[in-house]
Protein backbone atom coordinates (compact mmCIF):
# COMPACT_ATOMS: atom_id res chain seq x y z
CA MET A 1 -22.54 52.44 -95.88
CA SER A 2 -19.04 52.78 -95.58
CA GLN A 3 -17.14 50.42 -93.59
CA SER A 4 -16.00 53.37 -90.70
CA SER A 5 -19.74 53.72 -89.90
CA VAL A 6 -20.12 50.29 -88.70
CA SER A 7 -19.79 50.17 -84.80
CA THR A 8 -16.77 47.96 -83.92
CA ASN A 9 -17.89 47.88 -80.48
CA ALA A 10 -14.62 48.32 -79.29
CA PRO A 11 -14.45 48.49 -75.23
CA ALA A 12 -12.25 52.39 -75.54
CA THR A 13 -14.43 53.66 -77.55
CA SER A 14 -18.18 52.35 -76.45
CA ARG A 15 -20.04 54.69 -74.81
CA ARG A 16 -20.89 52.59 -71.43
CA PHE A 17 -24.79 52.37 -70.81
CA ILE A 18 -25.38 49.99 -67.73
CA TRP A 19 -22.82 48.36 -65.37
CA SER A 20 -20.41 48.75 -67.88
CA LEU A 21 -22.15 47.48 -70.62
CA THR A 22 -22.63 49.32 -73.94
CA LEU A 23 -26.52 49.79 -75.33
CA ARG A 24 -25.47 46.56 -77.24
CA ASP A 25 -24.51 44.55 -74.40
CA ALA A 26 -27.08 45.02 -72.68
CA LEU A 27 -29.65 44.09 -75.19
CA LEU A 28 -27.74 41.08 -76.16
CA VAL A 29 -28.12 40.07 -72.56
CA ALA A 30 -31.58 41.14 -72.00
CA LEU A 31 -31.88 39.01 -75.80
CA ILE A 32 -30.28 35.81 -74.44
CA ALA A 33 -31.79 35.80 -70.69
CA ASP A 34 -35.25 36.00 -72.62
CA LEU A 35 -33.95 33.34 -74.95
CA VAL A 36 -33.58 30.95 -71.86
CA VAL A 37 -36.99 31.56 -70.08
CA LEU A 38 -38.31 30.16 -73.37
CA GLY A 39 -35.65 27.20 -73.59
CA LYS A 40 -37.18 26.24 -70.03
CA VAL A 41 -40.62 27.14 -70.34
CA LEU A 42 -41.60 25.91 -74.15
CA ILE A 43 -38.59 23.08 -74.90
CA ASN A 44 -40.16 20.89 -72.55
CA VAL A 45 -38.63 17.27 -73.92
CA PRO A 46 -40.46 14.65 -71.60
CA LEU A 47 -37.07 13.11 -71.53
CA HIS A 48 -37.87 12.48 -67.31
CA VAL A 49 -33.91 12.83 -66.87
CA PRO A 50 -32.92 15.24 -63.87
CA GLY A 51 -31.30 18.18 -65.45
CA HIS A 52 -31.75 17.62 -69.13
CA THR A 53 -32.88 21.26 -69.88
CA GLY A 54 -29.12 22.16 -68.66
CA ALA A 55 -27.92 21.54 -71.96
CA VAL A 56 -29.88 24.36 -73.66
CA VAL A 57 -29.80 26.50 -70.80
CA VAL A 58 -26.23 26.66 -70.04
CA ALA A 59 -25.45 26.53 -73.53
CA LEU A 60 -27.23 29.97 -73.56
CA PHE A 61 -25.68 30.74 -70.54
CA VAL A 62 -22.30 30.04 -72.20
CA VAL A 63 -23.24 32.04 -75.08
CA GLY A 64 -24.18 34.84 -73.26
CA ARG A 65 -21.10 35.19 -71.52
CA GLY A 66 -18.38 34.16 -74.55
CA ILE A 67 -20.09 36.86 -77.19
CA VAL A 68 -20.37 39.94 -74.34
CA GLY A 69 -17.82 38.64 -72.86
CA ARG A 70 -18.10 41.43 -69.77
CA ARG A 71 -17.91 40.38 -66.08
CA GLY A 72 -21.32 40.03 -64.54
CA THR A 73 -22.56 38.91 -67.82
CA GLY A 74 -23.35 35.46 -66.91
CA LEU A 75 -25.24 37.06 -63.15
CA LEU A 76 -27.00 39.67 -65.00
CA MET A 77 -28.47 37.11 -67.46
CA GLY A 78 -29.34 34.76 -64.71
CA LEU A 79 -31.35 37.36 -62.57
CA LEU A 80 -33.34 38.77 -65.32
CA ALA A 81 -34.11 35.11 -66.71
CA GLY A 82 -34.73 34.18 -63.18
CA VAL A 83 -37.21 36.76 -62.33
CA LEU A 84 -38.96 36.05 -65.84
CA LEU A 85 -39.79 33.13 -64.94
CA THR A 86 -40.63 33.83 -61.25
CA LEU A 87 -43.40 36.25 -62.83
CA LEU A 88 -44.31 33.61 -64.79
CA GLY A 89 -44.77 31.51 -62.00
CA HIS A 90 -42.71 28.38 -62.99
CA GLY A 91 -40.97 26.15 -61.10
CA HIS A 92 -41.93 23.99 -57.92
CA ALA A 93 -41.02 27.14 -55.45
CA PRO A 94 -42.00 30.14 -58.35
CA PHE A 95 -40.85 32.51 -55.88
CA LEU A 96 -37.78 31.66 -55.30
CA GLU A 97 -37.06 30.34 -58.95
CA TRP A 98 -34.30 33.71 -59.74
CA VAL A 99 -31.87 32.02 -56.99
CA LYS A 100 -31.14 29.20 -59.80
CA TYR A 101 -30.20 31.04 -62.51
CA VAL A 102 -28.27 33.66 -60.59
CA ALA A 103 -26.09 30.58 -59.16
CA MET A 104 -25.88 29.72 -62.78
CA GLY A 105 -24.80 32.80 -63.86
CA LEU A 106 -22.95 33.78 -60.95
CA THR A 107 -20.95 29.70 -61.35
CA VAL A 108 -20.62 30.89 -65.19
CA ASP A 109 -19.02 34.23 -64.64
CA LEU A 110 -16.45 32.57 -61.56
CA GLY A 111 -15.96 29.71 -64.10
CA ALA A 112 -14.81 32.17 -67.08
CA ALA A 113 -13.00 34.28 -64.50
CA LEU A 114 -11.16 31.47 -62.76
CA LEU A 115 -10.29 28.77 -65.00
CA PRO A 116 -7.36 28.74 -67.78
CA GLY A 117 -8.81 29.38 -70.96
CA GLY A 118 -12.08 31.13 -69.85
CA ILE A 119 -14.90 30.72 -72.61
CA SER A 120 -12.75 29.94 -75.35
CA ASN A 121 -10.96 26.57 -74.15
CA LYS A 122 -13.50 23.67 -74.43
CA VAL A 123 -12.37 21.49 -71.34
CA SER A 124 -13.39 24.41 -69.31
CA VAL A 125 -15.89 25.28 -70.51
CA ALA A 126 -17.79 21.81 -70.48
CA VAL A 127 -16.34 21.98 -66.48
CA ILE A 128 -17.89 25.54 -66.26
CA GLY A 129 -21.23 23.93 -68.12
CA ALA A 130 -21.19 21.12 -65.49
CA LEU A 131 -20.86 23.36 -62.48
CA ALA A 132 -23.27 25.53 -63.30
CA ASN A 133 -26.14 22.94 -63.68
CA LEU A 134 -24.80 21.60 -60.80
CA ALA A 135 -25.16 24.62 -58.69
CA LYS A 136 -28.58 24.83 -59.89
CA LEU A 137 -29.41 21.52 -58.10
CA ILE A 138 -27.34 22.35 -55.16
CA THR A 139 -29.69 25.59 -55.17
CA THR A 140 -33.08 23.45 -55.70
CA LEU A 141 -31.80 21.79 -52.52
CA ILE A 142 -31.28 24.19 -50.30
CA ILE A 143 -34.71 26.05 -51.06
CA GLY A 144 -36.12 22.60 -50.82
CA ALA A 145 -34.48 22.34 -47.29
CA ILE A 146 -35.32 26.05 -46.34
CA LEU A 147 -39.79 25.51 -47.53
CA LYS A 148 -38.98 22.14 -45.23
CA LEU A 149 -40.49 20.27 -48.82
CA PRO A 150 -40.29 16.17 -48.49
CA LEU A 151 -36.87 15.87 -49.89
CA GLY A 152 -36.37 11.90 -49.03
CA PHE A 153 -37.01 10.59 -52.40
CA LEU A 154 -34.41 13.61 -54.23
CA PHE A 155 -31.56 12.79 -51.62
CA TRP A 156 -32.30 8.95 -52.35
CA GLY A 157 -31.13 9.67 -55.98
CA LEU A 158 -29.16 12.60 -55.62
CA GLY A 159 -25.65 10.46 -57.13
CA TYR A 160 -28.12 9.80 -60.32
CA ALA A 161 -29.67 13.99 -60.23
CA ALA A 162 -26.11 14.87 -60.12
CA THR A 163 -23.92 12.89 -62.69
CA THR A 164 -26.58 13.89 -65.27
CA HIS A 165 -26.66 17.17 -63.87
CA VAL A 166 -23.23 17.02 -64.68
CA VAL A 167 -23.15 15.44 -68.33
CA PHE A 168 -26.04 17.78 -69.59
CA GLY A 169 -24.21 21.31 -67.79
CA ALA A 170 -21.18 19.88 -69.89
CA ILE A 171 -22.77 19.00 -72.94
CA GLY A 172 -24.59 22.64 -73.10
CA GLY A 173 -21.04 24.45 -72.32
CA LEU A 174 -19.76 22.63 -75.19
CA LEU A 175 -22.55 23.46 -77.58
CA GLY A 176 -22.15 27.11 -75.98
CA VAL A 177 -18.64 27.65 -76.82
CA LEU A 178 -19.12 25.95 -80.58
CA LEU A 179 -21.67 28.48 -80.41
CA VAL A 180 -19.69 31.43 -79.73
CA ALA A 181 -16.86 30.17 -82.12
CA GLN A 182 -19.47 30.64 -84.95
CA LEU A 183 -20.96 34.03 -83.70
CA ARG A 184 -18.08 35.57 -83.22
CA LYS A 185 -17.43 35.19 -87.34
CA ILE A 186 -20.62 37.45 -87.79
CA PRO A 187 -19.91 41.20 -88.27
CA GLY A 188 -21.20 43.25 -85.41
CA VAL A 189 -21.55 40.04 -82.87
CA GLY A 190 -18.71 39.14 -81.95
CA ALA A 191 -17.08 40.77 -79.02
């Protein structure tokens, strides 16, 4: 196969599939959303620390946004992952589980667009990861308040929970940016 026959996924020449994404981009979004679901369902480490799964989930959101590199990627990944988790009956309020992941994806997209350096700057990505995991916590609190769940104990330890969500989100963001840097070296994968 000659070098010229390999697709470079150049934005100007690629055929758009959906939402300004190429078929390759849409498949990557779906694959990473599935990995988010697997990370949430299968990686069940009993650390008993709030927000610890954010290290894996946020890293995957950052990888998806960094590899695809288009606006709305995080939101689309969050929507797909959230719907899949809802269909699997995951979470305390499974029918509203999708809202948490949409909030995370939207936060990653907004952070990538507004912070200097976006997904390529390690400091910005640590902040994006922390905010994304914190968005999930805040969404959980809002859902709990709407459903009138007993939130007394949660509010009692809210400072601790928010701190751990921020720390694990920042770790996930840093892991994600390191993965993106390595994946961009692979021909056909990098944006």
